[in-house]
PDB file of N, CA and C in Angstrom:
ATOM      1  N   MET A   1       0.803  -1.205   0.000  1.00  0.00           N
ATOM      2  CA  MET A   1       0.000   0.000   0.000  1.00  0.00           C
ATOM      3  C   MET A   1       0.845   1.268   0.000  1.00  0.00           C
ATOM      4  N   LYS A   2       2.010   1.214   0.597  1.00  0.00           N
ATOM      5  CA  LYS A   2       2.845   2.396   0.623  1.00  0.00           C
ATOM      6  C   LYS A   2       3.170   2.887  -0.781  1.00  0.00           C
ATOM      7  N   PHE A   3       3.372   1.933  -1.690  1.00  0.00           N
ATOM      8  CA  PHE A   3       3.764   2.310  -3.041  1.00  0.00           C
ATOM      9  C   PHE A   3       2.700   3.164  -3.728  1.00  0.00           C
ATOM     10  N   SER A   4       1.442   2.750  -3.681  1.00  0.00           N
ATOM     11  CA  SER A   4       0.385   3.516  -4.331  1.00  0.00           C
ATOM     12  C   SER A   4       0.114   4.838  -3.612  1.00  0.00           C
ATOM     13  N   LYS A   5       0.205   4.831  -2.294  1.00  0.00           N
ATOM     14  CA  LYS A   5      -0.018   6.063  -1.534  1.00  0.00           C
ATOM     15  C   LYS A   5       1.112   7.064  -1.773  1.00  0.00           C
ATOM     16  N   GLN A   6       2.320   6.544  -1.941  1.00  0.00           N
ATOM     17  CA  GLN A   6       3.474   7.405  -2.143  1.00  0.00           C
ATOM     18  C   GLN A   6       3.375   8.151  -3.465  1.00  0.00           C
ATOM     19  N   PHE A   7       2.890   7.493  -4.496  1.00  0.00           N
ATOM     20  CA  PHE A   7       2.856   8.110  -5.821  1.00  0.00           C
ATOM     21  C   PHE A   7       1.478   8.663  -6.193  1.00  0.00           C
ATOM     22  N   SER A   8       0.545   8.677  -5.279  1.00  0.00           N
ATOM     23  CA  SER A   8      -0.795   9.164  -5.607  1.00  0.00           C
ATOM     24  C   SER A   8      -0.815  10.673  -5.842  1.00  0.00           C
ATOM     25  N   LEU A   9       0.116  11.406  -5.269  1.00  0.00           N
ATOM     26  CA  LEU A   9       0.154  12.857  -5.436  1.00  0.00           C
ATOM     27  C   LEU A   9       1.087  13.295  -6.561  1.00  0.00           C
ATOM     28  N   TYR A  10       1.698  12.331  -7.250  1.00  0.00           N
ATOM     29  CA  TYR A  10       2.659  12.648  -8.313  1.00  0.00           C
ATOM     30  C   TYR A  10       1.947  13.221  -9.523  1.00  0.00           C
ATOM     31  N   GLN A  11       2.529  14.273 -10.083  1.00  0.00           N
ATOM     32  CA  GLN A  11       2.064  14.840 -11.351  1.00  0.00           C
ATOM     33  C   GLN A  11       3.271  14.994 -12.256  1.00  0.00           C
ATOM     34  N   SER A  12       3.131  14.559 -13.484  1.00  0.00           N
ATOM     35  CA  SER A  12       4.234  14.682 -14.424  1.00  0.00           C
ATOM     36  C   SER A  12       4.434  16.149 -14.801  1.00  0.00           C
ATOM     37  N   GLU A  13       5.566  16.431 -15.428  1.00  0.00           N
ATOM     38  CA  GLU A  13       5.852  17.802 -15.857  1.00  0.00           C
ATOM     39  C   GLU A  13       4.835  18.280 -16.877  1.00  0.00           C
ATOM     40  N   ALA A  14       4.408  17.376 -17.745  1.00  0.00           N
ATOM     41  CA  ALA A  14       3.415  17.745 -18.751  1.00  0.00           C
ATOM     42  C   ALA A  14       2.089  18.116 -18.088  1.00  0.00           C
ATOM     43  N   SER A  15       1.664  17.341 -17.092  1.00  0.00           N
ATOM     44  CA  SER A  15       0.424  17.646 -16.373  1.00  0.00           C
ATOM     45  C   SER A  15       0.539  18.975 -15.631  1.00  0.00           C
ATOM     46  N   GLN A  16       1.668  19.216 -15.016  1.00  0.00           N
ATOM     47  CA  GLN A  16       1.879  20.478 -14.305  1.00  0.00           C
ATOM     48  C   GLN A  16       1.830  21.648 -15.280  1.00  0.00           C
ATOM     49  N   PHE A  17       2.455  21.477 -16.452  1.00  0.00           N
ATOM     50  CA  PHE A  17       2.451  22.538 -17.453  1.00  0.00           C
ATOM     51  C   PHE A  17       1.036  22.837 -17.922  1.00  0.00           C
ATOM     52  N   LEU A  18       0.267  21.783 -18.237  1.00  0.00           N
ATOM     53  CA  LEU A  18      -1.100  21.994 -18.724  1.00  0.00           C
ATOM     54  C   LEU A  18      -1.991  22.615 -17.660  1.00  0.00           C
ATOM     55  N   ASN A  19      -1.849  22.173 -16.434  1.00  0.00           N
ATOM     56  CA  ASN A  19      -2.638  22.769 -15.344  1.00  0.00           C
ATOM     57  C   ASN A  19      -2.286  24.240 -15.155  1.00  0.00           C
ATOM     58  N   GLY A  20      -1.007  24.566 -15.227  1.00  0.00           N
ATOM     59  CA  GLY A  20      -0.587  25.964 -15.113  1.00  0.00           C
ATOM     60  C   GLY A  20      -1.085  26.805 -16.278  1.00  0.00           C
ATOM     61  N   LEU A  21      -1.058  26.222 -17.460  1.00  0.00           N
ATOM     62  CA  LEU A  21      -1.549  26.932 -18.650  1.00  0.00           C
ATOM     63  C   LEU A  21      -3.041  27.219 -18.535  1.00  0.00           C
ATOM     64  N   LYS A  22      -3.799  26.244 -18.064  1.00  0.00           N
ATOM     65  CA  LYS A  22      -5.247  26.433 -17.896  1.00  0.00           C
ATOM     66  C   LYS A  22      -5.554  27.460 -16.817  1.00  0.00           C
ATOM     67  N   GLN A  23      -4.735  27.513 -15.771  1.00  0.00           N
ATOM     68  CA  GLN A  23      -4.958  28.498 -14.709  1.00  0.00           C
ATOM     69  C   GLN A  23      -4.621  29.910 -15.186  1.00  0.00           C
ATOM     70  N   SER A  24      -3.571  30.041 -16.003  1.00  0.00           N
ATOM     71  CA  SER A  24      -3.178  31.368 -16.462  1.00  0.00           C
ATOM     72  C   SER A  24      -4.055  31.862 -17.610  1.00  0.00           C
ATOM     73  N   ASN A  25      -4.708  30.946 -18.305  1.00  0.00           N
ATOM     74  CA  ASN A  25      -5.546  31.313 -19.446  1.00  0.00           C
ATOM     75  C   ASN A  25      -6.878  30.571 -19.325  1.00  0.00           C
ATOM     76  N   PRO A  26      -7.820  31.084 -18.527  1.00  0.00           N
ATOM     77  CA  PRO A  26      -9.062  30.351 -18.247  1.00  0.00           C
ATOM     78  C   PRO A  26      -9.952  30.123 -19.476  1.00  0.00           C
ATOM     79  N   GLN A  27      -9.881  30.960 -20.467  1.00  0.00           N
ATOM     80  CA  GLN A  27     -10.743  30.798 -21.642  1.00  0.00           C
ATOM     81  C   GLN A  27     -10.116  29.878 -22.694  1.00  0.00           C
ATOM     82  N   LEU A  28      -9.034  29.216 -22.370  1.00  0.00           N
ATOM     83  CA  LEU A  28      -8.325  28.355 -23.313  1.00  0.00           C
ATOM     84  C   LEU A  28      -9.207  27.230 -23.845  1.00  0.00           C
ATOM     85  N   GLU A  29      -9.912  26.527 -22.980  1.00  0.00           N
ATOM     86  CA  GLU A  29     -10.746  25.410 -23.418  1.00  0.00           C
ATOM     87  C   GLU A  29     -11.890  25.882 -24.308  1.00  0.00           C
ATOM     88  N   GLN A  30     -12.476  27.020 -23.996  1.00  0.00           N
ATOM     89  CA  GLN A  30     -13.549  27.564 -24.830  1.00  0.00           C
ATOM     90  C   GLN A  30     -13.010  27.936 -26.207  1.00  0.00           C
ATOM     91  N   ASN A  31     -11.823  28.516 -26.269  1.00  0.00           N
ATOM     92  CA  ASN A  31     -11.212  28.846 -27.556  1.00  0.00           C
ATOM     93  C   ASN A  31     -10.916  27.587 -28.362  1.00  0.00           C
ATOM     94  N   GLN A  32     -10.501  26.526 -27.689  1.00  0.00           N
ATOM     95  CA  GLN A  32     -10.248  25.263 -28.379  1.00  0.00           C
ATOM     96  C   GLN A  32     -11.533  24.702 -28.967  1.00  0.00           C
ATOM     97  N   ARG A  33     -12.615  24.780 -28.222  1.00  0.00           N
ATOM     98  CA  ARG A  33     -13.904  24.290 -28.728  1.00  0.00           C
ATOM     99  C   ARG A  33     -14.356  25.102 -29.943  1.00  0.00           C
ATOM    100  N   GLU A  34     -14.173  26.421 -29.894  1.00  0.00           N
ATOM    101  CA  GLU A  34     -14.560  27.268 -31.030  1.00  0.00           C
ATOM    102  C   GLU A  34     -13.721  26.946 -32.260  1.00  0.00           C
ATOM    103  N   GLY A  35     -12.424  26.741 -32.071  1.00  0.00           N
ATOM    104  CA  GLY A  35     -11.564  26.382 -33.186  1.00  0.00           C
ATOM    105  C   GLY A  35     -11.927  25.035 -33.771  1.00  0.00           C
ATOM    106  N   ARG A  36     -12.259  24.091 -32.924  1.00  0.00           N
ATOM    107  CA  ARG A  36     -12.679  22.776 -33.400  1.00  0.00           C
ATOM    108  C   ARG A  36     -13.957  22.895 -34.211  1.00  0.00           C
ATOM    109  N   SER A  37     -14.885  23.716 -33.758  1.00  0.00           N
ATOM    110  CA  SER A  37     -16.146  23.845 -34.481  1.00  0.00           C
ATOM    111  C   SER A  37     -15.937  24.481 -35.852  1.00  0.00           C
ATOM    112  N   LEU A  38     -14.942  25.352 -35.972  1.00  0.00           N
ATOM    113  CA  LEU A  38     -14.662  25.948 -37.282  1.00  0.00           C
ATOM    114  C   LEU A  38     -14.160  24.915 -38.282  1.00  0.00           C
ATOM    115  N   LEU A  39     -13.329  23.986 -37.803  1.00  0.00           N
ATOM    116  CA  LEU A  39     -12.693  23.035 -38.700  1.00  0.00           C
ATOM    117  C   LEU A  39     -13.473  21.743 -38.889  1.00  0.00           C
ATOM    118  N   TRP A  40     -14.145  21.262 -37.856  1.00  0.00           N
ATOM    119  CA  TRP A  40     -14.683  19.913 -37.905  1.00  0.00           C
ATOM    120  C   TRP A  40     -16.193  19.821 -37.880  1.00  0.00           C
ATOM    121  N   ASP A  41     -16.860  20.690 -37.180  1.00  0.00           N
ATOM    122  CA  ASP A  41     -18.313  20.587 -37.077  1.00  0.00           C
ATOM    123  C   ASP A  41     -18.943  21.185 -38.330  1.00  0.00           C
ATOM    124  N   LYS A  42     -19.615  20.357 -39.082  1.00  0.00           N
ATOM    125  CA  LYS A  42     -20.206  20.784 -40.345  1.00  0.00           C
ATOM    126  C   LYS A  42     -21.707  20.993 -40.184  1.00  0.00           C
ATOM    127  N   ALA A  43     -22.242  21.839 -41.034  1.00  0.00           N
ATOM    128  CA  ALA A  43     -23.687  22.054 -41.056  1.00  0.00           C
ATOM    129  C   ALA A  43     -24.361  20.819 -41.642  1.00  0.00           C
ATOM    130  N   PRO A  44     -25.606  20.568 -41.284  1.00  0.00           N
ATOM    131  CA  PRO A  44     -26.307  19.416 -41.847  1.00  0.00           C
ATOM    132  C   PRO A  44     -26.418  19.520 -43.369  1.00  0.00           C
ATOM    133  N   ILE A  45     -26.372  18.375 -44.023  1.00  0.00           N
ATOM    134  CA  ILE A  45     -26.415  18.336 -45.484  1.00  0.00           C
ATOM    135  C   ILE A  45     -27.866  18.393 -45.953  1.00  0.00           C
ATOM    136  N   ASP A  46     -28.138  19.276 -46.888  1.00  0.00           N
ATOM    137  CA  ASP A  46     -29.452  19.345 -47.512  1.00  0.00           C
ATOM    138  C   ASP A  46     -29.446  18.370 -48.687  1.00  0.00           C
ATOM    139  N   LEU A  47     -30.191  17.287 -48.580  1.00  0.00           N
ATOM    140  CA  LEU A  47     -30.145  16.227 -49.576  1.00  0.00           C
ATOM    141  C   LEU A  47     -30.664  16.675 -50.943  1.00  0.00           C
ATOM    142  N   ASP A  48     -31.646  17.553 -50.948  1.00  0.00           N
ATOM    143  CA  ASP A  48     -32.178  18.045 -52.220  1.00  0.00           C
ATOM    144  C   ASP A  48     -31.128  18.863 -52.969  1.00  0.00           C
ATOM    145  N   THR A  49     -30.430  19.724 -52.253  1.00  0.00           N
ATOM    146  CA  THR A  49     -29.379  20.534 -52.869  1.00  0.00           C
ATOM    147  C   THR A  49     -28.249  19.644 -53.374  1.00  0.00           C
ATOM    148  N   GLU A  50     -27.850  18.667 -52.606  1.00  0.00           N
ATOM    149  CA  GLU A  50     -26.791  17.753 -53.033  1.00  0.00           C
ATOM    150  C   GLU A  50     -27.192  16.984 -54.289  1.00  0.00           C
ATOM    151  N   ARG A  51     -28.439  16.556 -54.358  1.00  0.00           N
ATOM    152  CA  ARG A  51     -28.925  15.832 -55.532  1.00  0.00           C
ATOM    153  C   ARG A  51     -28.897  16.721 -56.763  1.00  0.00           C
ATOM    154  N   ARG A  52     -29.364  17.976 -56.620  1.00  0.00           N
ATOM    155  CA  ARG A  52     -29.360  18.901 -57.756  1.00  0.00           C
ATOM    156  C   ARG A  52     -27.945  19.214 -58.224  1.00  0.00           C
ATOM    157  N   ILE A  53     -27.013  19.347 -57.301  1.00  0.00           N
ATOM    158  CA  ILE A  53     -25.613  19.614 -57.670  1.00  0.00           C
ATOM    159  C   ILE A  53     -25.029  18.438 -58.425  1.00  0.00           C
ATOM    160  N   SER A  54     -25.272  17.234 -57.942  1.00  0.00           N
ATOM    161  CA  SER A  54     -24.707  16.063 -58.617  1.00  0.00           C
ATOM    162  C   SER A  54     -25.335  15.840 -59.990  1.00  0.00           C
ATOM    163  N   GLU A  55     -26.608  16.174 -60.154  1.00  0.00           N
ATOM    164  CA  GLU A  55     -27.262  16.023 -61.457  1.00  0.00           C
ATOM    165  C   GLU A  55     -26.825  17.097 -62.451  1.00  0.00           C
ATOM    166  N   SER A  56     -26.393  18.236 -61.976  1.00  0.00           N
ATOM    167  CA  SER A  56     -26.039  19.333 -62.870  1.00  0.00           C
ATOM    168  C   SER A  56     -24.581  19.305 -63.312  1.00  0.00           C
ATOM    169  N   ARG A  57     -23.811  18.348 -62.824  1.00  0.00           N
ATOM    170  CA  ARG A  57     -22.405  18.265 -63.223  1.00  0.00           C
ATOM    171  C   ARG A  57     -22.286  17.834 -64.678  1.00  0.00           C
ATOM    172  N   VAL A  58     -21.346  18.454 -65.385  1.00  0.00           N
ATOM    173  CA  VAL A  58     -21.075  18.094 -66.774  1.00  0.00           C
ATOM    174  C   VAL A  58     -19.999  17.026 -66.757  1.00  0.00           C
ATOM    175  N   LYS A  59     -20.255  15.920 -67.465  1.00  0.00           N
ATOM    176  CA  LYS A  59     -19.288  14.829 -67.480  1.00  0.00           C
ATOM    177  C   LYS A  59     -18.078  15.226 -68.304  1.00  0.00           C
ATOM    178  N   GLN A  60     -16.913  14.844 -67.817  1.00  0.00           N
ATOM    179  CA  GLN A  60     -15.663  15.146 -68.487  1.00  0.00           C
ATOM    180  C   GLN A  60     -15.342  14.011 -69.448  1.00  0.00           C
ATOM    181  N   GLN A  61     -14.784  14.381 -70.613  1.00  0.00           N
ATOM    182  CA  GLN A  61     -14.420  13.324 -71.559  1.00  0.00           C
ATOM    183  C   GLN A  61     -13.274  12.491 -70.998  1.00  0.00           C
ATOM    184  N   ALA A  62     -13.126  11.287 -71.525  1.00  0.00           N
ATOM    185  CA  ALA A  62     -12.183  10.325 -70.964  1.00  0.00           C
ATOM    186  C   ALA A  62     -10.747  10.847 -71.006  1.00  0.00           C
ATOM    187  N   TYR A  63     -10.338  11.370 -72.128  1.00  0.00           N
ATOM    188  CA  TYR A  63      -8.977  11.892 -72.240  1.00  0.00           C
ATOM    189  C   TYR A  63      -9.089  13.379 -72.549  1.00  0.00           C
ATOM    190  N   VAL A  64      -8.786  14.205 -71.597  1.00  0.00           N
ATOM    191  CA  VAL A  64      -9.066  15.635 -71.697  1.00  0.00           C
ATOM    192  C   VAL A  64      -8.256  16.341 -72.777  1.00  0.00           C
ATOM    193  N   TYR A  65      -7.054  15.871 -73.068  1.00  0.00           N
ATOM    194  CA  TYR A  65      -6.189  16.580 -73.997  1.00  0.00           C
ATOM    195  C   TYR A  65      -6.426  16.166 -75.451  1.00  0.00           C
ATOM    196  N   GLN A  66      -7.274  15.220 -75.709  1.00  0.00           N
ATOM    197  CA  GLN A  66      -7.555  14.773 -77.058  1.00  0.00           C
ATOM    198  C   GLN A  66      -8.581  15.699 -77.684  1.00  0.00           C
ATOM    199  N   SER A  67      -8.299  16.141 -78.899  1.00  0.00           N
ATOM    200  CA  SER A  67      -9.258  16.998 -79.578  1.00  0.00           C
ATOM    201  C   SER A  67     -10.391  16.137 -80.135  1.00  0.00           C
ATOM    202  N   LYS A  68     -11.509  16.778 -80.436  1.00  0.00           N
ATOM    203  CA  LYS A  68     -12.673  16.030 -80.890  1.00  0.00           C
ATOM    204  C   LYS A  68     -12.662  15.801 -82.379  1.00  0.00           C
ATOM    205  N   ASN A  69     -11.633  16.206 -83.090  1.00  0.00           N
ATOM    206  CA  ASN A  69     -11.560  16.011 -84.544  1.00  0.00           C
ATOM    207  C   ASN A  69     -11.164  14.603 -84.863  1.00  0.00           C
TER     208      ASN A  69
END
């Protein structure tokens, strides 16, 4: 039991750094959430719009550099 009790209060340098960073900058987690939402959280897909976009695409010829003559 001494072993687990002895190391129960241990914090690594990385944990100490992150805890200090969060204490010095309280809005850090909120800023991280906002940044994540900009990059990863997408708006719901409108299926009708997606269908119309896919139907309106012009098909590309097989070999683009070949002339039609």
